[in-house]
Amino acid sequence: MHEAGLATTALEIAADHARRRGAARVHRLTLRVGDLSGVAPEALRFALDALSPGTPAAGAAFDIEVVSVECHCPACDRPFRPADVIYACPACGRISSDVRQGHELELVSLEVS
């Protein structure tokens, strides 16, 4: 489960950020996870909950924003969300390889005190 490694890294970043700000506690940690990132959001949440005790993020709220896949159609020059694993534009049917979002794995925000 690589989510445990990702959770460990996120908690280390949060603790480092809190230390640099003179804060002792992390109250909230928000992550953005794309559907194509290979990360299971619930497994990541479980890992964060399991690994946070004993860290500055113990008892913190962990928000995970799931980012849907969004492609761009070069023929229609517009974004679209594919209905399945074949990224065909719903307007013209052209298959697109221009994936604009869905690969994200980002630490978006921290609340510390």
PDB file of N, CA and C in Angstrom:
ATOM      1  N   MET A   1       0.856  -1.179   0.000  1.00  0.00           N
ATOM      2  CA  MET A   1       0.000   0.000   0.000  1.00  0.00           C
ATOM      3  C   MET A   1       0.896   1.234   0.000  1.00  0.00           C
ATOM      4  N   HIS A   2       1.089   1.860  -1.142  1.00  0.00           N
ATOM      5  CA  HIS A   2       1.959   3.033  -1.208  1.00  0.00           C
ATOM      6  C   HIS A   2       1.318   4.255  -0.572  1.00  0.00           C
ATOM      7  N   GLU A   3       0.010   4.198  -0.255  1.00  0.00           N
ATOM      8  CA  GLU A   3      -0.659   5.303   0.408  1.00  0.00           C
ATOM      9  C   GLU A   3      -0.029   5.579   1.772  1.00  0.00           C
ATOM     10  N   ALA A   4       0.485   4.533   2.438  1.00  0.00           N
ATOM     11  CA  ALA A   4       1.142   4.730   3.736  1.00  0.00           C
ATOM     12  C   ALA A   4       2.393   5.599   3.577  1.00  0.00           C
ATOM     13  N   GLY A   5       3.153   5.354   2.533  1.00  0.00           N
ATOM     14  CA  GLY A   5       4.329   6.187   2.271  1.00  0.00           C
ATOM     15  C   GLY A   5       3.950   7.612   1.942  1.00  0.00           C
ATOM     16  N   LEU A   6       2.880   7.780   1.168  1.00  0.00           N
ATOM     17  CA  LEU A   6       2.405   9.123   0.827  1.00  0.00           C
ATOM     18  C   LEU A   6       1.902   9.851   2.074  1.00  0.00           C
ATOM     19  N   ALA A   7       1.187   9.123   2.931  1.00  0.00           N
ATOM     20  CA  ALA A   7       0.689   9.722   4.167  1.00  0.00           C
ATOM     21  C   ALA A   7       1.856  10.138   5.062  1.00  0.00           C
ATOM     22  N   THR A   8       2.869   9.291   5.167  1.00  0.00           N
ATOM     23  CA  THR A   8       4.044   9.626   5.973  1.00  0.00           C
ATOM     24  C   THR A   8       4.696  10.905   5.465  1.00  0.00           C
ATOM     25  N   THR A   9       4.857  11.008   4.158  1.00  0.00           N
ATOM     26  CA  THR A   9       5.468  12.203   3.573  1.00  0.00           C
ATOM     27  C   THR A   9       4.615  13.437   3.826  1.00  0.00           C
ATOM     28  N   ALA A  10       3.299  13.323   3.654  1.00  0.00           N
ATOM     29  CA  ALA A  10       2.399  14.459   3.891  1.00  0.00           C
ATOM     30  C   ALA A  10       2.476  14.909   5.347  1.00  0.00           C
ATOM     31  N   LEU A  11       2.513  13.961   6.271  1.00  0.00           N
ATOM     32  CA  LEU A  11       2.608  14.304   7.692  1.00  0.00           C
ATOM     33  C   LEU A  11       3.954  14.949   8.023  1.00  0.00           C
ATOM     34  N   GLU A  12       5.028  14.484   7.381  1.00  0.00           N
ATOM     35  CA  GLU A  12       6.346  15.098   7.595  1.00  0.00           C
ATOM     36  C   GLU A  12       6.367  16.526   7.065  1.00  0.00           C
ATOM     37  N   ILE A  13       5.786  16.747   5.900  1.00  0.00           N
ATOM     38  CA  ILE A  13       5.722  18.103   5.331  1.00  0.00           C
ATOM     39  C   ILE A  13       4.913  19.009   6.247  1.00  0.00           C
ATOM     40  N   ALA A  14       3.777  18.504   6.729  1.00  0.00           N
ATOM     41  CA  ALA A  14       2.931  19.294   7.622  1.00  0.00           C
ATOM     42  C   ALA A  14       3.671  19.647   8.911  1.00  0.00           C
ATOM     43  N   ALA A  15       4.364  18.677   9.496  1.00  0.00           N
ATOM     44  CA  ALA A  15       5.107  18.926  10.731  1.00  0.00           C
ATOM     45  C   ALA A  15       6.227  19.935  10.502  1.00  0.00           C
ATOM     46  N   ASP A  16       6.921  19.817   9.388  1.00  0.00           N
ATOM     47  CA  ASP A  16       7.988  20.762   9.051  1.00  0.00           C
ATOM     48  C   ASP A  16       7.426  22.168   8.869  1.00  0.00           C
ATOM     49  N   HIS A  17       6.320  22.268   8.170  1.00  0.00           N
ATOM     50  CA  HIS A  17       5.686  23.576   7.948  1.00  0.00           C
ATOM     51  C   HIS A  17       5.269  24.189   9.295  1.00  0.00           C
ATOM     52  N   ALA A  18       4.672  23.375  10.158  1.00  0.00           N
ATOM     53  CA  ALA A  18       4.249  23.877  11.468  1.00  0.00           C
ATOM     54  C   ALA A  18       5.460  24.381  12.259  1.00  0.00           C
ATOM     55  N   ARG A  19       6.535  23.603  12.271  1.00  0.00           N
ATOM     56  CA  ARG A  19       7.760  24.006  12.993  1.00  0.00           C
ATOM     57  C   ARG A  19       8.298  25.332  12.472  1.00  0.00           C
ATOM     58  N   ARG A  20       8.359  25.470  11.137  1.00  0.00           N
ATOM     59  CA  ARG A  20       8.894  26.699  10.549  1.00  0.00           C
ATOM     60  C   ARG A  20       8.023  27.913  10.863  1.00  0.00           C
ATOM     61  N   ARG A  21       6.759  27.699  11.156  1.00  0.00           N
ATOM     62  CA  ARG A  21       5.838  28.790  11.489  1.00  0.00           C
ATOM     63  C   ARG A  21       5.725  28.997  13.006  1.00  0.00           C
ATOM     64  N   GLY A  22       6.481  28.199  13.758  1.00  0.00           N
ATOM     65  CA  GLY A  22       6.421  28.312  15.208  1.00  0.00           C
ATOM     66  C   GLY A  22       5.153  27.711  15.793  1.00  0.00           C
ATOM     67  N   ALA A  23       4.492  26.867  15.033  1.00  0.00           N
ATOM     68  CA  ALA A  23       3.249  26.232  15.477  1.00  0.00           C
ATOM     69  C   ALA A  23       3.548  24.859  16.051  1.00  0.00           C
ATOM     70  N   ALA A  24       2.714  24.449  16.973  1.00  0.00           N
ATOM     71  CA  ALA A  24       2.898  23.143  17.594  1.00  0.00           C
ATOM     72  C   ALA A  24       1.922  22.103  17.064  1.00  0.00           C
ATOM     73  N   ARG A  25       0.885  22.574  16.388  1.00  0.00           N
ATOM     74  CA  ARG A  25      -0.184  21.649  16.019  1.00  0.00           C
ATOM     75  C   ARG A  25      -0.686  21.901  14.599  1.00  0.00           C
ATOM     76  N   VAL A  26      -1.003  20.803  13.917  1.00  0.00           N
ATOM     77  CA  VAL A  26      -1.666  20.854  12.609  1.00  0.00           C
ATOM     78  C   VAL A  26      -3.128  20.500  12.855  1.00  0.00           C
ATOM     79  N   HIS A  27      -4.022  21.407  12.457  1.00  0.00           N
ATOM     80  CA  HIS A  27      -5.459  21.192  12.686  1.00  0.00           C
ATOM     81  C   HIS A  27      -6.162  20.588  11.474  1.00  0.00           C
ATOM     82  N   ARG A  28      -5.701  20.938  10.298  1.00  0.00           N
ATOM     83  CA  ARG A  28      -6.342  20.456   9.071  1.00  0.00           C
ATOM     84  C   ARG A  28      -5.293  20.329   7.984  1.00  0.00           C
ATOM     85  N   LEU A  29      -5.411  19.270   7.209  1.00  0.00           N
ATOM     86  CA  LEU A  29      -4.511  19.015   6.088  1.00  0.00           C
ATOM     87  C   LEU A  29      -5.402  18.665   4.896  1.00  0.00           C
ATOM     88  N   THR A  30      -5.252  19.403   3.805  1.00  0.00           N
ATOM     89  CA  THR A  30      -6.080  19.172   2.628  1.00  0.00           C
ATOM     90  C   THR A  30      -5.204  18.690   1.473  1.00  0.00           C
ATOM     91  N   LEU A  31      -5.602  17.565   0.901  1.00  0.00           N
ATOM     92  CA  LEU A  31      -4.890  16.980  -0.238  1.00  0.00           C
ATOM     93  C   LEU A  31      -5.820  16.923  -1.438  1.00  0.00           C
ATOM     94  N   ARG A  32      -5.248  17.053  -2.612  1.00  0.00           N
ATOM     95  CA  ARG A  32      -5.991  16.907  -3.868  1.00  0.00           C
ATOM     96  C   ARG A  32      -5.443  15.674  -4.566  1.00  0.00           C
ATOM     97  N   VAL A  33      -6.342  14.722  -4.887  1.00  0.00           N
ATOM     98  CA  VAL A  33      -5.959  13.444  -5.481  1.00  0.00           C
ATOM     99  C   VAL A  33      -6.728  13.236  -6.780  1.00  0.00           C
ATOM    100  N   GLY A  34      -6.013  13.112  -7.877  1.00  0.00           N
ATOM    101  CA  GLY A  34      -6.649  12.886  -9.174  1.00  0.00           C
ATOM    102  C   GLY A  34      -7.050  11.441  -9.377  1.00  0.00           C
ATOM    103  N   ASP A  35      -8.110  11.256 -10.138  1.00  0.00           N
ATOM    104  CA  ASP A  35      -8.589   9.907 -10.442  1.00  0.00           C
ATOM    105  C   ASP A  35      -7.527   9.049 -11.138  1.00  0.00           C
ATOM    106  N   LEU A  36      -6.599   9.679 -11.842  1.00  0.00           N
ATOM    107  CA  LEU A  36      -5.558   8.941 -12.564  1.00  0.00           C
ATOM    108  C   LEU A  36      -4.244   8.851 -11.795  1.00  0.00           C
ATOM    109  N   SER A  37      -4.217   9.320 -10.561  1.00  0.00           N
ATOM    110  CA  SER A  37      -2.970   9.377  -9.791  1.00  0.00           C
ATOM    111  C   SER A  37      -2.503   8.007  -9.300  1.00  0.00           C
ATOM    112  N   GLY A  38      -3.397   7.039  -9.285  1.00  0.00           N
ATOM    113  CA  GLY A  38      -3.044   5.727  -8.758  1.00  0.00           C
ATOM    114  C   GLY A  38      -3.169   5.645  -7.252  1.00  0.00           C
ATOM    115  N   VAL A  39      -3.733   6.682  -6.646  1.00  0.00           N
ATOM    116  CA  VAL A  39      -3.897   6.723  -5.196  1.00  0.00           C
ATOM    117  C   VAL A  39      -5.367   6.486  -4.868  1.00  0.00           C
ATOM    118  N   ALA A  40      -5.618   5.583  -3.935  1.00  0.00           N
ATOM    119  CA  ALA A  40      -6.977   5.316  -3.461  1.00  0.00           C
ATOM    120  C   ALA A  40      -7.272   6.280  -2.310  1.00  0.00           C
ATOM    121  N   PRO A  41      -8.182   7.233  -2.507  1.00  0.00           N
ATOM    122  CA  PRO A  41      -8.438   8.240  -1.478  1.00  0.00           C
ATOM    123  C   PRO A  41      -8.768   7.663  -0.098  1.00  0.00           C
ATOM    124  N   GLU A  42      -9.584   6.626  -0.050  1.00  0.00           N
ATOM    125  CA  GLU A  42      -9.947   6.062   1.255  1.00  0.00           C
ATOM    126  C   GLU A  42      -8.752   5.374   1.922  1.00  0.00           C
ATOM    127  N   ALA A  43      -7.894   4.743   1.138  1.00  0.00           N
ATOM    128  CA  ALA A  43      -6.688   4.140   1.698  1.00  0.00           C
ATOM    129  C   ALA A  43      -5.743   5.222   2.217  1.00  0.00           C
ATOM    130  N   LEU A  44      -5.668   6.342   1.504  1.00  0.00           N
ATOM    131  CA  LEU A  44      -4.835   7.455   1.953  1.00  0.00           C
ATOM    132  C   LEU A  44      -5.387   8.032   3.255  1.00  0.00           C
ATOM    133  N   ARG A  45      -6.694   8.206   3.325  1.00  0.00           N
ATOM    134  CA  ARG A  45      -7.311   8.721   4.557  1.00  0.00           C
ATOM    135  C   ARG A  45      -7.044   7.762   5.726  1.00  0.00           C
ATOM    136  N   PHE A  46      -7.195   6.466   5.474  1.00  0.00           N
ATOM    137  CA  PHE A  46      -6.933   5.467   6.510  1.00  0.00           C
ATOM    138  C   PHE A  46      -5.488   5.574   6.991  1.00  0.00           C
ATOM    139  N   ALA A  47      -4.556   5.694   6.060  1.00  0.00           N
ATOM    140  CA  ALA A  47      -3.141   5.795   6.418  1.00  0.00           C
ATOM    141  C   ALA A  47      -2.864   7.067   7.221  1.00  0.00           C
ATOM    142  N   LEU A  48      -3.455   8.179   6.827  1.00  0.00           N
ATOM    143  CA  LEU A  48      -3.267   9.423   7.576  1.00  0.00           C
ATOM    144  C   LEU A  48      -3.788   9.283   9.005  1.00  0.00           C
ATOM    145  N   ASP A  49      -4.980   8.695   9.138  1.00  0.00           N
ATOM    146  CA  ASP A  49      -5.556   8.482  10.470  1.00  0.00           C
ATOM    147  C   ASP A  49      -4.683   7.554  11.307  1.00  0.00           C
ATOM    148  N   ALA A  50      -4.155   6.511  10.689  1.00  0.00           N
ATOM    149  CA  ALA A  50      -3.359   5.525  11.418  1.00  0.00           C
ATOM    150  C   ALA A  50      -1.977   6.047  11.802  1.00  0.00           C
ATOM    151  N   LEU A  51      -1.398   6.897  10.968  1.00  0.00           N
ATOM    152  CA  LEU A  51      -0.023   7.347  11.190  1.00  0.00           C
ATOM    153  C   LEU A  51       0.101   8.679  11.916  1.00  0.00           C
ATOM    154  N   SER A  52      -0.988   9.408  12.072  1.00  0.00           N
ATOM    155  CA  SER A  52      -0.903  10.747  12.672  1.00  0.00           C
ATOM    156  C   SER A  52      -0.729  10.779  14.197  1.00  0.00           C
ATOM    157  N   PRO A  53      -1.216   9.784  14.964  1.00  0.00           N
ATOM    158  CA  PRO A  53      -0.989   9.844  16.410  1.00  0.00           C
ATOM    159  C   PRO A  53       0.506   9.955  16.723  1.00  0.00           C
ATOM    160  N   GLY A  54       0.810  10.840  17.669  1.00  0.00           N
ATOM    161  CA  GLY A  54       2.211  11.058  18.038  1.00  0.00           C
ATOM    162  C   GLY A  54       2.911  12.092  17.170  1.00  0.00           C
ATOM    163  N   THR A  55       2.190  12.668  16.216  1.00  0.00           N
ATOM    164  CA  THR A  55       2.738  13.721  15.362  1.00  0.00           C
ATOM    165  C   THR A  55       1.989  15.013  15.660  1.00  0.00           C
ATOM    166  N   PRO A  56       2.480  16.149  15.161  1.00  0.00           N
ATOM    167  CA  PRO A  56       1.745  17.401  15.347  1.00  0.00           C
ATOM    168  C   PRO A  56       0.344  17.375  14.698  1.00  0.00           C
ATOM    169  N   ALA A  57       0.097  16.413  13.822  1.00  0.00           N
ATOM    170  CA  ALA A  57      -1.200  16.307  13.152  1.00  0.00           C
ATOM    171  C   ALA A  57      -2.149  15.339  13.852  1.00  0.00           C
ATOM    172  N   ALA A  58      -1.804  14.890  15.044  1.00  0.00           N
ATOM    173  CA  ALA A  58      -2.697  13.987  15.783  1.00  0.00           C
ATOM    174  C   ALA A  58      -4.035  14.679  15.999  1.00  0.00           C
ATOM    175  N   GLY A  59      -5.111  14.017  15.632  1.00  0.00           N
ATOM    176  CA  GLY A  59      -6.451  14.578  15.786  1.00  0.00           C
ATOM    177  C   GLY A  59      -6.842  15.575  14.717  1.00  0.00           C
ATOM    178  N   ALA A  60      -5.995  15.800  13.738  1.00  0.00           N
ATOM    179  CA  ALA A  60      -6.299  16.765  12.675  1.00  0.00           C
ATOM    180  C   ALA A  60      -7.390  16.232  11.751  1.00  0.00           C
ATOM    181  N   ALA A  61      -8.035  17.159  11.067  1.00  0.00           N
ATOM    182  CA  ALA A  61      -8.990  16.789  10.023  1.00  0.00           C
ATOM    183  C   ALA A  61      -8.205  16.605   8.731  1.00  0.00           C
ATOM    184  N   PHE A  62      -8.505  15.535   8.023  1.00  0.00           N
ATOM    185  CA  PHE A  62      -7.844  15.260   6.748  1.00  0.00           C
ATOM    186  C   PHE A  62      -8.888  15.345   5.647  1.00  0.00           C
ATOM    187  N   ASP A  63      -8.767  16.374   4.830  1.00  0.00           N
ATOM    188  CA  ASP A  63      -9.686  16.567   3.713  1.00  0.00           C
ATOM    189  C   ASP A  63      -9.012  16.089   2.440  1.00  0.00           C
ATOM    190  N   ILE A  64      -9.714  15.262   1.700  1.00  0.00           N
ATOM    191  CA  ILE A  64      -9.182  14.768   0.429  1.00  0.00           C
ATOM    192  C   ILE A  64     -10.160  15.151  -0.669  1.00  0.00           C
ATOM    193  N   GLU A  65      -9.685  16.003  -1.581  1.00  0.00           N
ATOM    194  CA  GLU A  65     -10.484  16.432  -2.725  1.00  0.00           C
ATOM    195  C   GLU A  65     -10.129  15.535  -3.909  1.00  0.00           C
ATOM    196  N   VAL A  66     -11.122  14.866  -4.453  1.00  0.00           N
ATOM    197  CA  VAL A  66     -10.897  13.997  -5.605  1.00  0.00           C
ATOM    198  C   VAL A  66     -11.093  14.825  -6.872  1.00  0.00           C
ATOM    199  N   VAL A  67     -10.114  14.757  -7.773  1.00  0.00           N
ATOM    200  CA  VAL A  67     -10.149  15.521  -9.017  1.00  0.00           C
ATOM    201  C   VAL A  67     -10.484  14.575 -10.169  1.00  0.00           C
ATOM    202  N   SER A  68     -11.584  14.851 -10.834  1.00  0.00           N
ATOM    203  CA  SER A  68     -12.016  14.038 -11.973  1.00  0.00           C
ATOM    204  C   SER A  68     -11.113  14.275 -13.185  1.00  0.00           C
ATOM    205  N   VAL A  69     -11.126  13.318 -14.074  1.00  0.00           N
ATOM    206  CA  VAL A  69     -10.381  13.445 -15.323  1.00  0.00           C
ATOM    207  C   VAL A  69     -11.066  14.497 -16.198  1.00  0.00           C
ATOM    208  N   GLU A  70     -10.259  15.383 -16.747  1.00  0.00           N
ATOM    209  CA  GLU A  70     -10.776  16.351 -17.710  1.00  0.00           C
ATOM    210  C   GLU A  70      -9.827  16.392 -18.906  1.00  0.00           C
ATOM    211  N   CYS A  71     -10.399  16.262 -20.072  1.00  0.00           N
ATOM    212  CA  CYS A  71      -9.627  16.299 -21.319  1.00  0.00           C
ATOM    213  C   CYS A  71      -9.984  17.555 -22.094  1.00  0.00           C
ATOM    214  N   HIS A  72      -9.205  17.798 -23.133  1.00  0.00           N
ATOM    215  CA  HIS A  72      -9.476  18.919 -24.030  1.00  0.00           C
ATOM    216  C   HIS A  72      -9.622  18.367 -25.438  1.00  0.00           C
ATOM    217  N   CYS A  73     -10.692  18.763 -26.097  1.00  0.00           N
ATOM    218  CA  CYS A  73     -10.915  18.334 -27.475  1.00  0.00           C
ATOM    219  C   CYS A  73     -10.289  19.352 -28.421  1.00  0.00           C
ATOM    220  N   PRO A  74      -9.321  18.932 -29.239  1.00  0.00           N
ATOM    221  CA  PRO A  74      -8.695  19.878 -30.169  1.00  0.00           C
ATOM    222  C   PRO A  74      -9.638  20.303 -31.295  1.00  0.00           C
ATOM    223  N   ALA A  75     -10.583  19.457 -31.656  1.00  0.00           N
ATOM    224  CA  ALA A  75     -11.513  19.802 -32.731  1.00  0.00           C
ATOM    225  C   ALA A  75     -12.540  20.830 -32.269  1.00  0.00           C
ATOM    226  N   CYS A  76     -13.093  20.639 -31.096  1.00  0.00           N
ATOM    227  CA  CYS A  76     -14.121  21.547 -30.564  1.00  0.00           C
ATOM    228  C   CYS A  76     -13.519  22.691 -29.756  1.00  0.00           C
ATOM    229  N   ASP A  77     -12.233  22.552 -29.403  1.00  0.00           N
ATOM    230  CA  ASP A  77     -11.529  23.524 -28.572  1.00  0.00           C
ATOM    231  C   ASP A  77     -12.284  23.794 -27.274  1.00  0.00           C
ATOM    232  N   ARG A  78     -12.617  22.677 -26.592  1.00  0.00           N
ATOM    233  CA  ARG A  78     -13.320  22.811 -25.315  1.00  0.00           C
ATOM    234  C   ARG A  78     -12.970  21.641 -24.407  1.00  0.00           C
ATOM    235  N   PRO A  79     -13.097  21.877 -23.103  1.00  0.00           N
ATOM    236  CA  PRO A  79     -12.831  20.786 -22.160  1.00  0.00           C
ATOM    237  C   PRO A  79     -14.027  19.845 -22.072  1.00  0.00           C
ATOM    238  N   PHE A  80     -13.742  18.600 -21.687  1.00  0.00           N
ATOM    239  CA  PHE A  80     -14.824  17.651 -21.436  1.00  0.00           C
ATOM    240  C   PHE A  80     -14.358  16.615 -20.431  1.00  0.00           C
ATOM    241  N   ARG A  81     -15.321  16.033 -19.753  1.00  0.00           N
ATOM    242  CA  ARG A  81     -15.051  14.924 -18.835  1.00  0.00           C
ATOM    243  C   ARG A  81     -15.444  13.642 -19.544  1.00  0.00           C
ATOM    244  N   PRO A  82     -14.492  12.739 -19.742  1.00  0.00           N
ATOM    245  CA  PRO A  82     -14.800  11.506 -20.461  1.00  0.00           C
ATOM    246  C   PRO A  82     -15.772  10.627 -19.670  1.00  0.00           C
ATOM    247  N   ALA A  83     -16.632   9.944 -20.408  1.00  0.00           N
ATOM    248  CA  ALA A  83     -17.632   9.070 -19.792  1.00  0.00           C
ATOM    249  C   ALA A  83     -17.039   7.725 -19.402  1.00  0.00           C
ATOM    250  N   ASP A  84     -15.934   7.326 -20.038  1.00  0.00           N
ATOM    251  CA  ASP A  84     -15.307   6.045 -19.725  1.00  0.00           C
ATOM    252  C   ASP A  84     -13.815   6.132 -20.023  1.00  0.00           C
ATOM    253  N   VAL A  85     -13.149   5.004 -20.151  1.00  0.00           N
ATOM    254  CA  VAL A  85     -11.700   4.989 -20.342  1.00  0.00           C
ATOM    255  C   VAL A  85     -11.269   5.364 -21.756  1.00  0.00           C
ATOM    256  N   ILE A  86     -12.206   5.469 -22.664  1.00  0.00           N
ATOM    257  CA  ILE A  86     -11.899   5.991 -23.996  1.00  0.00           C
ATOM    258  C   ILE A  86     -12.266   7.466 -23.968  1.00  0.00           C
ATOM    259  N   TYR A  87     -11.273   8.310 -24.112  1.00  0.00           N
ATOM    260  CA  TYR A  87     -11.465   9.745 -23.931  1.00  0.00           C
ATOM    261  C   TYR A  87     -12.011  10.393 -25.199  1.00  0.00           C
ATOM    262  N   ALA A  88     -13.264  10.081 -25.503  1.00  0.00           N
ATOM    263  CA  ALA A  88     -13.919  10.614 -26.697  1.00  0.00           C
ATOM    264  C   ALA A  88     -14.749  11.836 -26.324  1.00  0.00           C
ATOM    265  N   CYS A  89     -14.617  12.885 -27.108  1.00  0.00           N
ATOM    266  CA  CYS A  89     -15.377  14.112 -26.900  1.00  0.00           C
ATOM    267  C   CYS A  89     -16.870  13.807 -27.069  1.00  0.00           C
ATOM    268  N   PRO A  90     -17.710  14.199 -26.130  1.00  0.00           N
ATOM    269  CA  PRO A  90     -19.134  13.916 -26.246  1.00  0.00           C
ATOM    270  C   PRO A  90     -19.813  14.721 -27.363  1.00  0.00           C
ATOM    271  N   ALA A  91     -19.191  15.819 -27.783  1.00  0.00           N
ATOM    272  CA  ALA A  91     -19.789  16.651 -28.828  1.00  0.00           C
ATOM    273  C   ALA A  91     -19.485  16.142 -30.235  1.00  0.00           C
ATOM    274  N   CYS A  92     -18.204  15.781 -30.489  1.00  0.00           N
ATOM    275  CA  CYS A  92     -17.825  15.406 -31.854  1.00  0.00           C
ATOM    276  C   CYS A  92     -17.351  13.960 -31.989  1.00  0.00           C
ATOM    277  N   GLY A  93     -17.089  13.292 -30.856  1.00  0.00           N
ATOM    278  CA  GLY A  93     -16.646  11.901 -30.886  1.00  0.00           C
ATOM    279  C   GLY A  93     -15.155  11.716 -31.068  1.00  0.00           C
ATOM    280  N   ARG A  94     -14.416  12.788 -31.284  1.00  0.00           N
ATOM    281  CA  ARG A  94     -12.968  12.670 -31.484  1.00  0.00           C
ATOM    282  C   ARG A  94     -12.299  12.233 -30.182  1.00  0.00           C
ATOM    283  N   ILE A  95     -11.380  11.297 -30.295  1.00  0.00           N
ATOM    284  CA  ILE A  95     -10.641  10.820 -29.131  1.00  0.00           C
ATOM    285  C   ILE A  95      -9.501  11.795 -28.851  1.00  0.00           C
ATOM    286  N   SER A  96      -9.361  12.133 -27.574  1.00  0.00           N
ATOM    287  CA  SER A  96      -8.348  13.097 -27.169  1.00  0.00           C
ATOM    288  C   SER A  96      -7.308  12.436 -26.270  1.00  0.00           C
ATOM    289  N   SER A  97      -6.070  12.823 -26.458  1.00  0.00           N
ATOM    290  CA  SER A  97      -5.001  12.381 -25.565  1.00  0.00           C
ATOM    291  C   SER A  97      -4.526  13.551 -24.705  1.00  0.00           C
ATOM    292  N   ASP A  98      -5.224  14.679 -24.795  1.00  0.00           N
ATOM    293  CA  ASP A  98      -4.863  15.888 -24.054  1.00  0.00           C
ATOM    294  C   ASP A  98      -5.596  15.893 -22.713  1.00  0.00           C
ATOM    295  N   VAL A  99      -4.988  15.246 -21.727  1.00  0.00           N
ATOM    296  CA  VAL A  99      -5.573  15.160 -20.394  1.00  0.00           C
ATOM    297  C   VAL A  99      -5.098  16.377 -19.604  1.00  0.00           C
ATOM    298  N   ARG A 100      -6.048  17.211 -19.179  1.00  0.00           N
ATOM    299  CA  ARG A 100      -5.719  18.460 -18.499  1.00  0.00           C
ATOM    300  C   ARG A 100      -5.746  18.339 -16.976  1.00  0.00           C
ATOM    301  N   GLN A 101      -6.495  17.411 -16.454  1.00  0.00           N
ATOM    302  CA  GLN A 101      -6.501  17.191 -15.008  1.00  0.00           C
ATOM    303  C   GLN A 101      -6.875  15.751 -14.714  1.00  0.00           C
ATOM    304  N   GLY A 102      -6.506  15.325 -13.512  1.00  0.00           N
ATOM    305  CA  GLY A 102      -6.795  13.963 -13.086  1.00  0.00           C
ATOM    306  C   GLY A 102      -5.567  13.219 -12.593  1.00  0.00           C
ATOM    307  N   HIS A 103      -4.378  13.798 -12.829  1.00  0.00           N
ATOM    308  CA  HIS A 103      -3.134  13.178 -12.360  1.00  0.00           C
ATOM    309  C   HIS A 103      -2.645  13.772 -11.032  1.00  0.00           C
ATOM    310  N   GLU A 104      -3.360  14.740 -10.503  1.00  0.00           N
ATOM    311  CA  GLU A 104      -2.900  15.482  -9.334  1.00  0.00           C
ATOM    312  C   GLU A 104      -2.649  14.594  -8.109  1.00  0.00           C
ATOM    313  N   LEU A 105      -1.644  14.984  -7.380  1.00  0.00           N
ATOM    314  CA  LEU A 105      -1.402  14.484  -6.031  1.00  0.00           C
ATOM    315  C   LEU A 105      -0.701  15.641  -5.333  1.00  0.00           C
ATOM    316  N   GLU A 106      -1.492  16.473  -4.649  1.00  0.00           N
ATOM    317  CA  GLU A 106      -0.986  17.724  -4.116  1.00  0.00           C
ATOM    318  C   GLU A 106      -1.415  17.933  -2.671  1.00  0.00           C
ATOM    319  N   LEU A 107      -0.519  18.480  -1.896  1.00  0.00           N
ATOM    320  CA  LEU A 107      -0.858  18.989  -0.579  1.00  0.00           C
ATOM    321  C   LEU A 107      -1.310  20.424  -0.813  1.00  0.00           C
ATOM    322  N   VAL A 108      -2.588  20.675  -0.650  1.00  0.00           N
ATOM    323  CA  VAL A 108      -3.179  21.958  -1.037  1.00  0.00           C
ATOM    324  C   VAL A 108      -3.096  22.988   0.071  1.00  0.00           C
ATOM    325  N   SER A 109      -3.416  22.590   1.299  1.00  0.00           N
ATOM    326  CA  SER A 109      -3.389  23.561   2.382  1.00  0.00           C
ATOM    327  C   SER A 109      -3.204  22.900   3.733  1.00  0.00           C
ATOM    328  N   LEU A 110      -2.741  23.700   4.661  1.00  0.00           N
ATOM    329  CA  LEU A 110      -2.551  23.286   6.055  1.00  0.00           C
ATOM    330  C   LEU A 110      -3.108  24.371   6.958  1.00  0.00           C
ATOM    331  N   GLU A 111      -3.711  23.967   8.058  1.00  0.00           N
ATOM    332  CA  GLU A 111      -4.081  24.902   9.122  1.00  0.00           C
ATOM    333  C   GLU A 111      -3.282  24.501  10.337  1.00  0.00           C
ATOM    334  N   VAL A 112      -2.499  25.442  10.854  1.00  0.00           N
ATOM    335  CA  VAL A 112      -1.623  25.154  11.993  1.00  0.00           C
ATOM    336  C   VAL A 112      -1.795  26.232  13.069  1.00  0.00           C
ATOM    337  N   SER A 113      -1.430  25.885  14.282  1.00  0.00           N
ATOM    338  CA  SER A 113      -1.396  26.891  15.367  1.00  0.00           C
ATOM    339  C   SER A 113      -0.342  26.499  16.384  1.00  0.00           C
TER     340      SER A 113
END
